[in-house]
C-alpha atoms as a PDB file:
ATOM      1  CA  UNK A   1       0.000   0.000   0.000  1.00  0.00           C
ATOM      2  CA  UNK A   2       0.974   3.597  -0.586  1.00  0.00           C
ATOM      3  CA  UNK A   3       0.542   6.728   1.520  1.00  0.00           C
ATOM      4  CA  UNK A   4      -0.197   9.872  -0.432  1.00  0.00           C
ATOM      5  CA  UNK A   5      -1.865  13.263  -0.499  1.00  0.00           C
ATOM      6  CA  UNK A   6      -4.832  13.995  -2.759  1.00  0.00           C
ATOM      7  CA  UNK A   7      -3.796  16.961  -4.902  1.00  0.00           C
ATOM      8  CA  UNK A   8      -6.484  17.130  -7.588  1.00  0.00           C
ATOM      9  CA  UNK A   9      -9.382  15.665  -9.548  1.00  0.00           C
ATOM     10  CA  UNK A  10      -9.572  14.096 -12.988  1.00  0.00           C
ATOM     11  CA  UNK A  11     -12.594  14.637 -15.244  1.00  0.00           C
ATOM     12  CA  UNK A  12     -12.961  12.579 -18.400  1.00  0.00           C
ATOM     13  CA  UNK A  13     -16.092  12.931 -20.516  1.00  0.00           C
ATOM     14  CA  UNK A  14     -15.077   9.972 -22.670  1.00  0.00           C
ATOM     15  CA  UNK A  15     -13.795   6.877 -20.921  1.00  0.00           C
ATOM     16  CA  UNK A  16     -14.120   3.116 -20.773  1.00  0.00           C
ATOM     17  CA  UNK A  17     -17.533   1.972 -19.523  1.00  0.00           C
ATOM     18  CA  UNK A  18     -15.890   0.319 -16.494  1.00  0.00           C
ATOM     19  CA  UNK A  19     -14.903   3.791 -15.224  1.00  0.00           C
ATOM     20  CA  UNK A  20     -18.372   5.344 -15.401  1.00  0.00           C
ATOM     21  CA  UNK A  21     -19.461   6.513 -11.970  1.00  0.00           C
ATOM     22  CA  UNK A  22     -15.970   6.374 -10.453  1.00  0.00           C
ATOM     23  CA  UNK A  23     -14.444   9.464  -8.864  1.00  0.00           C
ATOM     24  CA  UNK A  24     -10.848   9.782 -10.083  1.00  0.00           C
ATOM     25  CA  UNK A  25      -8.320  11.675  -7.984  1.00  0.00           C
ATOM     26  CA  UNK A  26      -4.685  12.709  -8.441  1.00  0.00           C
ATOM     27  CA  UNK A  27      -2.556  11.401  -5.571  1.00  0.00           C
ATOM     28  CA  UNK A  28       1.040  12.428  -4.817  1.00  0.00           C
ATOM     29  CA  UNK A  29       2.935   9.578  -3.141  1.00  0.00           C
ATOM     30  CA  UNK A  30       4.653  10.499   0.145  1.00  0.00           C
ATOM     31  CA  UNK A  31       7.673   8.859   1.742  1.00  0.00           C
ATOM     32  CA  UNK A  32       6.727   9.434   5.385  1.00  0.00           C
ATOM     33  CA  UNK A  33      10.090   8.266   6.718  1.00  0.00           C
ATOM     34  CA  UNK A  34      12.027  10.815   4.670  1.00  0.00           C
ATOM     35  CA  UNK A  35       9.177  13.359   4.538  1.00  0.00           C
ATOM     36  CA  UNK A  36       9.575  13.575   0.746  1.00  0.00           C
ATOM     37  CA  UNK A  37       7.037  13.894  -2.026  1.00  0.00           C
ATOM     38  CA  UNK A  38       7.318  11.417  -4.891  1.00  0.00           C
ATOM     39  CA  UNK A  39       5.493  10.849  -8.200  1.00  0.00           C
ATOM     40  CA  UNK A  40       1.822  11.579  -8.779  1.00  0.00           C
ATOM     41  CA  UNK A  41      -0.726   9.122 -10.170  1.00  0.00           C
ATOM     42  CA  UNK A  42      -4.475   8.702 -10.688  1.00  0.00           C
ATOM     43  CA  UNK A  43      -6.515   6.562  -8.285  1.00  0.00           C
ATOM     44  CA  UNK A  44     -10.189   5.610  -8.114  1.00  0.00           C
ATOM     45  CA  UNK A  45     -11.688   7.013  -4.898  1.00  0.00           C
ATOM     46  CA  UNK A  46     -13.738   4.483  -2.917  1.00  0.00           C
ATOM     47  CA  UNK A  47     -14.023   6.457   0.339  1.00  0.00           C
ATOM     48  CA  UNK A  48     -14.931  10.050  -0.575  1.00  0.00           C
ATOM     49  CA  UNK A  49     -11.505  11.613  -0.120  1.00  0.00           C
ATOM     50  CA  UNK A  50     -11.016  15.287  -0.841  1.00  0.00           C
ATOM     51  CA  UNK A  51      -8.174  17.481  -2.018  1.00  0.00           C
ATOM     52  CA  UNK A  52      -5.628  17.975   0.765  1.00  0.00           C
ATOM     53  CA  UNK A  53      -6.383  14.728   2.585  1.00  0.00           C
ATOM     54  CA  UNK A  54      -3.750  12.096   3.290  1.00  0.00           C
ATOM     55  CA  UNK A  55      -4.899   8.718   1.994  1.00  0.00           C
ATOM     56  CA  UNK A  56      -4.058   5.031   1.862  1.00  0.00           C
ATOM     57  CA  UNK A  57      -3.907   3.583  -1.657  1.00  0.00           C
ATOM     58  CA  UNK A  58      -3.982  -0.025  -2.831  1.00  0.00           C
ATOM     59  CA  UNK A  59      -2.305  -0.793  -6.148  1.00  0.00           C
ATOM     60  CA  UNK A  60      -2.178  -3.587  -8.699  1.00  0.00           C
ATOM     61  CA  UNK A  61      -4.703  -6.410  -8.506  1.00  0.00           C
ATOM     62  CA  UNK A  62      -5.434  -5.499  -4.869  1.00  0.00           C
ATOM     63  CA  UNK A  63      -6.881  -2.192  -6.104  1.00  0.00           C
ATOM     64  CA  UNK A  64      -9.764  -4.112  -7.718  1.00  0.00           C
ATOM     65  CA  UNK A  65     -10.766  -6.222  -4.698  1.00  0.00           C
ATOM     66  CA  UNK A  66     -14.042  -4.372  -4.091  1.00  0.00           C
ATOM     67  CA  UNK A  67     -17.444  -4.863  -5.684  1.00  0.00           C
ATOM     68  CA  UNK A  68     -17.279  -1.372  -7.263  1.00  0.00           C
ATOM     69  CA  UNK A  69     -14.023  -2.140  -9.084  1.00  0.00           C
ATOM     70  CA  UNK A  70     -14.208  -5.872  -9.795  1.00  0.00           C
ATOM     71  CA  UNK A  71     -14.142  -5.387 -13.582  1.00  0.00           C
ATOM     72  CA  UNK A  72     -12.817  -1.817 -13.737  1.00  0.00           C
ATOM     73  CA  UNK A  73      -9.649  -0.891 -15.584  1.00  0.00           C
ATOM     74  CA  UNK A  74      -7.824   0.619 -12.608  1.00  0.00           C
ATOM     75  CA  UNK A  75      -4.477  -0.105 -10.986  1.00  0.00           C
ATOM     76  CA  UNK A  76      -4.805   2.189  -7.958  1.00  0.00           C
ATOM     77  CA  UNK A  77      -7.692   2.852  -5.563  1.00  0.00           C
ATOM     78  CA  UNK A  78      -8.040   5.051  -2.490  1.00  0.00           C
ATOM     79  CA  UNK A  79      -9.155   2.723   0.292  1.00  0.00           C
ATOM     80  CA  UNK A  80      -8.748   4.898   3.396  1.00  0.00           C
ATOM     81  CA  UNK A  81      -8.378   8.435   4.713  1.00  0.00           C
ATOM     82  CA  UNK A  82      -5.480   8.669   7.165  1.00  0.00           C
ATOM     83  CA  UNK A  83      -5.976  10.499  10.456  1.00  0.00           C
ATOM     84  CA  UNK A  84      -2.405  10.217  11.715  1.00  0.00           C
ATOM     85  CA  UNK A  85       0.936   8.655  10.792  1.00  0.00           C
ATOM     86  CA  UNK A  86       3.337   7.800  13.614  1.00  0.00           C
ATOM     87  CA  UNK A  87       6.914   6.983  12.641  1.00  0.00           C
ATOM     88  CA  UNK A  88       9.202   6.722  15.704  1.00  0.00           C
ATOM     89  CA  UNK A  89      11.935   9.338  15.505  1.00  0.00           C
ATOM     90  CA  UNK A  90      10.092  11.296  12.818  1.00  0.00           C
ATOM     91  CA  UNK A  91       7.669  13.997  14.007  1.00  0.00           C
ATOM     92  CA  UNK A  92       5.074  14.919  11.388  1.00  0.00           C
END
């Protein structure tokens, strides 16, 4: 799983039928141990995350392990909104 910050939305008027009804968000991966921002990617939002929230993202085949995404063409899905991250020795 990946920790990231939601930084934007994606709107697509034309898309594969498997994506209809899905909210697509831009997530910037975070390395919480080094407090560094990494690459950005698109993820299907399953939990109602908003811009500025820190989220937990499943990738690969695990991203499709919900009824909403069983046949969807996605490789990343937001599966949780993070309240707090605690890394000993690293105060965020």
